[in-house]
Amino acid sequence: MKDAWTDAYLNVAAYGGDKRTISFFKPNFTRKSLEFTTGPDTKTATVFITNFPKNHPVIVDHFELIESPVPRGDELPAAR
């Protein structure tokens, strides 16, 4: 698969904010991250990969979901 270009998009939605997307346009290993904070009344999020509107396979592996510690006080960290 070294010659396959696997255009893909990592997305997060339904987390209490606007849908966020980052793209991958390389035929080799690429590490990226997508940071989000669930809304005050939201306890879940939908994280997904897609290559729409392309019509070819996308190969992905090793997803991590890391919970950041909640800061002390009433303020949440500023959005990036």
N, C-alpha and C. Protein backbone atom coordinates (compact mmCIF):
# COMPACT_ATOMS: atom_id res chain seq x y z
N MET A 1 0.81 -1.20 0.00
CA MET A 1 0.00 0.00 0.00
C MET A 1 0.85 1.27 0.00
N LYS A 2 2.16 1.16 -0.19
CA LYS A 2 3.00 2.35 -0.11
C LYS A 2 2.69 3.37 -1.19
N ASP A 3 2.09 2.96 -2.31
CA ASP A 3 1.76 3.90 -3.38
C ASP A 3 0.31 4.39 -3.32
N ALA A 4 -0.43 3.99 -2.29
CA ALA A 4 -1.83 4.40 -2.18
C ALA A 4 -1.93 5.71 -1.41
N TRP A 5 -2.58 6.68 -2.00
CA TRP A 5 -2.86 7.94 -1.32
C TRP A 5 -4.20 7.79 -0.65
N THR A 6 -4.21 7.88 0.65
CA THR A 6 -5.44 7.63 1.39
C THR A 6 -5.95 8.92 2.01
N ASP A 7 -6.53 9.78 1.18
CA ASP A 7 -7.13 11.01 1.70
C ASP A 7 -8.17 10.64 2.74
N ALA A 8 -8.06 11.22 3.92
CA ALA A 8 -9.00 10.90 4.99
C ALA A 8 -9.19 12.11 5.89
N TYR A 9 -10.26 12.06 6.65
CA TYR A 9 -10.62 13.15 7.55
C TYR A 9 -10.98 12.56 8.91
N LEU A 10 -10.34 13.05 9.96
CA LEU A 10 -10.69 12.69 11.33
C LEU A 10 -11.64 13.76 11.83
N ASN A 11 -12.77 13.34 12.37
CA ASN A 11 -13.84 14.26 12.76
C ASN A 11 -14.28 14.02 14.20
N VAL A 12 -14.78 15.07 14.82
CA VAL A 12 -15.49 14.94 16.09
C VAL A 12 -16.76 15.77 15.97
N ALA A 13 -17.87 15.19 16.41
CA ALA A 13 -19.18 15.86 16.33
C ALA A 13 -20.02 15.44 17.53
N ALA A 14 -21.13 16.10 17.71
CA ALA A 14 -22.09 15.77 18.77
C ALA A 14 -21.44 15.80 20.15
N TYR A 15 -20.58 16.79 20.38
CA TYR A 15 -19.89 16.90 21.67
C TYR A 15 -20.26 18.18 22.42
N GLY A 16 -21.22 18.93 21.87
CA GLY A 16 -21.61 20.19 22.49
C GLY A 16 -20.98 21.40 21.83
N GLY A 17 -20.33 21.19 20.69
CA GLY A 17 -19.70 22.28 19.93
C GLY A 17 -19.84 22.00 18.45
N ASP A 18 -19.25 22.88 17.64
CA ASP A 18 -19.29 22.70 16.19
C ASP A 18 -18.43 21.50 15.78
N LYS A 19 -18.84 20.82 14.71
CA LYS A 19 -18.06 19.69 14.19
C LYS A 19 -16.66 20.18 13.86
N ARG A 20 -15.66 19.38 14.22
CA ARG A 20 -14.26 19.73 13.93
C ARG A 20 -13.68 18.63 13.06
N THR A 21 -12.81 19.01 12.13
CA THR A 21 -12.23 18.09 11.17
C THR A 21 -10.76 18.43 10.93
N ILE A 22 -9.92 17.40 10.82
CA ILE A 22 -8.56 17.58 10.33
C ILE A 22 -8.36 16.59 9.19
N SER A 23 -7.48 16.93 8.26
CA SER A 23 -7.31 16.10 7.07
C SER A 23 -5.94 15.42 7.06
N PHE A 24 -5.90 14.28 6.37
CA PHE A 24 -4.69 13.51 6.13
C PHE A 24 -4.58 13.30 4.63
N PHE A 25 -3.49 13.75 4.01
CA PHE A 25 -3.31 13.59 2.57
C PHE A 25 -1.92 13.07 2.28
N LYS A 26 -1.53 11.99 2.93
CA LYS A 26 -0.19 11.43 2.73
C LYS A 26 -0.28 9.93 2.56
N PRO A 27 0.64 9.35 1.82
CA PRO A 27 0.62 7.90 1.63
C PRO A 27 1.41 7.15 2.69
N ASN A 28 1.79 7.81 3.78
CA ASN A 28 2.59 7.16 4.81
C ASN A 28 2.07 7.56 6.20
N PHE A 29 2.72 7.05 7.24
CA PHE A 29 2.30 7.30 8.60
C PHE A 29 2.31 8.80 8.90
N THR A 30 1.22 9.27 9.45
CA THR A 30 1.11 10.67 9.86
C THR A 30 0.39 10.71 11.19
N ARG A 31 0.96 11.40 12.14
CA ARG A 31 0.32 11.54 13.45
C ARG A 31 -0.25 12.95 13.58
N LYS A 32 -1.53 13.01 13.93
CA LYS A 32 -2.19 14.30 14.13
C LYS A 32 -3.09 14.19 15.35
N SER A 33 -3.50 15.34 15.86
CA SER A 33 -4.41 15.33 16.99
C SER A 33 -5.54 16.33 16.75
N LEU A 34 -6.63 16.06 17.41
CA LEU A 34 -7.83 16.90 17.30
C LEU A 34 -8.34 17.10 18.72
N GLU A 35 -8.25 18.34 19.20
CA GLU A 35 -8.63 18.63 20.58
C GLU A 35 -10.04 19.20 20.63
N PHE A 36 -10.81 18.74 21.61
CA PHE A 36 -12.17 19.26 21.80
C PHE A 36 -12.54 19.13 23.27
N THR A 37 -13.51 19.90 23.68
CA THR A 37 -14.04 19.86 25.04
C THR A 37 -15.54 19.68 24.95
N THR A 38 -16.06 18.69 25.67
CA THR A 38 -17.51 18.50 25.64
C THR A 38 -18.18 19.69 26.30
N GLY A 39 -19.39 19.99 25.82
CA GLY A 39 -20.16 21.11 26.36
C GLY A 39 -20.59 20.84 27.80
N PRO A 40 -21.09 21.85 28.48
CA PRO A 40 -21.44 21.70 29.90
C PRO A 40 -22.52 20.65 30.15
N ASP A 41 -23.39 20.41 29.19
CA ASP A 41 -24.46 19.43 29.36
C ASP A 41 -24.24 18.18 28.50
N THR A 42 -23.03 17.99 28.00
CA THR A 42 -22.73 16.87 27.10
C THR A 42 -21.69 15.97 27.73
N LYS A 43 -21.95 14.70 27.75
CA LYS A 43 -21.03 13.72 28.34
C LYS A 43 -20.45 12.77 27.30
N THR A 44 -20.84 12.92 26.01
CA THR A 44 -20.37 12.02 24.96
C THR A 44 -19.91 12.82 23.75
N ALA A 45 -19.24 12.14 22.85
CA ALA A 45 -18.80 12.73 21.58
C ALA A 45 -18.74 11.62 20.54
N THR A 46 -18.90 11.98 19.28
CA THR A 46 -18.77 11.03 18.18
C THR A 46 -17.47 11.35 17.45
N VAL A 47 -16.53 10.41 17.48
CA VAL A 47 -15.24 10.56 16.80
C VAL A 47 -15.24 9.56 15.65
N PHE A 48 -14.96 10.05 14.43
CA PHE A 48 -15.02 9.15 13.28
C PHE A 48 -14.05 9.58 12.19
N ILE A 49 -13.70 8.61 11.34
CA ILE A 49 -12.83 8.84 10.19
C ILE A 49 -13.65 8.60 8.93
N THR A 50 -13.42 9.41 7.91
CA THR A 50 -14.12 9.24 6.65
C THR A 50 -13.21 9.66 5.50
N ASN A 51 -13.52 9.21 4.31
CA ASN A 51 -12.83 9.71 3.13
C ASN A 51 -13.85 10.24 2.11
N PHE A 52 -15.07 10.48 2.56
CA PHE A 52 -16.10 11.02 1.69
C PHE A 52 -15.63 12.32 1.07
N PRO A 53 -15.78 12.56 -0.20
CA PRO A 53 -16.57 11.85 -1.18
C PRO A 53 -15.77 10.84 -2.01
N LYS A 54 -14.55 10.54 -1.60
CA LYS A 54 -13.74 9.56 -2.35
C LYS A 54 -14.38 8.18 -2.28
N ASN A 55 -13.98 7.32 -3.19
CA ASN A 55 -14.54 5.98 -3.23
C ASN A 55 -13.42 4.94 -3.23
N HIS A 56 -12.53 5.02 -2.24
CA HIS A 56 -11.46 4.05 -2.11
C HIS A 56 -11.22 3.77 -0.63
N PRO A 57 -10.56 2.65 -0.32
CA PRO A 57 -10.34 2.31 1.09
C PRO A 57 -9.42 3.31 1.79
N VAL A 58 -9.62 3.45 3.07
CA VAL A 58 -8.75 4.25 3.93
C VAL A 58 -8.25 3.33 5.03
N ILE A 59 -6.96 3.36 5.28
CA ILE A 59 -6.37 2.51 6.30
C ILE A 59 -5.93 3.39 7.46
N VAL A 60 -6.44 3.10 8.64
CA VAL A 60 -6.07 3.85 9.84
C VAL A 60 -5.80 2.86 10.97
N ASP A 61 -5.02 3.30 11.93
CA ASP A 61 -4.82 2.50 13.13
C ASP A 61 -4.41 3.40 14.28
N HIS A 62 -4.45 2.83 15.44
CA HIS A 62 -3.98 3.45 16.68
C HIS A 62 -4.64 4.80 16.97
N PHE A 63 -5.86 4.74 17.37
CA PHE A 63 -6.55 5.92 17.86
C PHE A 63 -6.35 6.02 19.36
N GLU A 64 -6.20 7.22 19.87
CA GLU A 64 -6.13 7.44 21.31
C GLU A 64 -7.13 8.52 21.69
N LEU A 65 -7.83 8.30 22.77
CA LEU A 65 -8.70 9.32 23.33
C LEU A 65 -8.19 9.58 24.74
N ILE A 66 -7.67 10.77 24.96
CA ILE A 66 -7.03 11.10 26.22
C ILE A 66 -7.84 12.17 26.92
N GLU A 67 -8.25 11.89 28.14
CA GLU A 67 -9.00 12.87 28.92
C GLU A 67 -8.01 13.77 29.64
N SER A 68 -8.17 15.06 29.43
CA SER A 68 -7.32 16.03 30.12
C SER A 68 -7.86 16.26 31.52
N PRO A 69 -6.99 16.55 32.46
CA PRO A 69 -7.48 16.83 33.80
C PRO A 69 -8.33 18.10 33.82
N VAL A 70 -9.34 18.11 34.65
CA VAL A 70 -10.19 19.29 34.79
C VAL A 70 -9.44 20.31 35.63
N PRO A 71 -9.34 21.54 35.13
CA PRO A 71 -8.62 22.57 35.90
C PRO A 71 -9.38 22.91 37.18
N ARG A 72 -8.67 23.37 38.16
CA ARG A 72 -9.32 23.81 39.40
C ARG A 72 -10.06 25.11 39.15
N GLY A 73 -11.12 25.32 39.89
CA GLY A 73 -11.91 26.53 39.70
C GLY A 73 -13.05 26.29 38.72
N ASP A 74 -13.75 27.34 38.41
CA ASP A 74 -14.94 27.23 37.54
C ASP A 74 -14.63 27.40 36.08
N GLU A 75 -13.42 27.83 35.72
CA GLU A 75 -13.12 28.13 34.32
C GLU A 75 -12.58 26.90 33.59
N LEU A 76 -13.05 26.73 32.36
CA LEU A 76 -12.49 25.71 31.49
C LEU A 76 -11.37 26.34 30.68
N PRO A 77 -10.42 25.54 30.19
CA PRO A 77 -9.35 26.10 29.36
C PRO A 77 -9.91 26.75 28.10
N ALA A 78 -9.23 27.77 27.61
CA ALA A 78 -9.66 28.47 26.39
C ALA A 78 -9.59 27.54 25.19
N ALA A 79 -10.53 27.68 24.28
CA ALA A 79 -10.55 26.87 23.04
C ALA A 79 -9.37 27.25 22.18
N ARG A 80 -8.82 26.26 21.46
CA ARG A 80 -7.69 26.52 20.55
C ARG A 80 -8.16 26.54 19.14
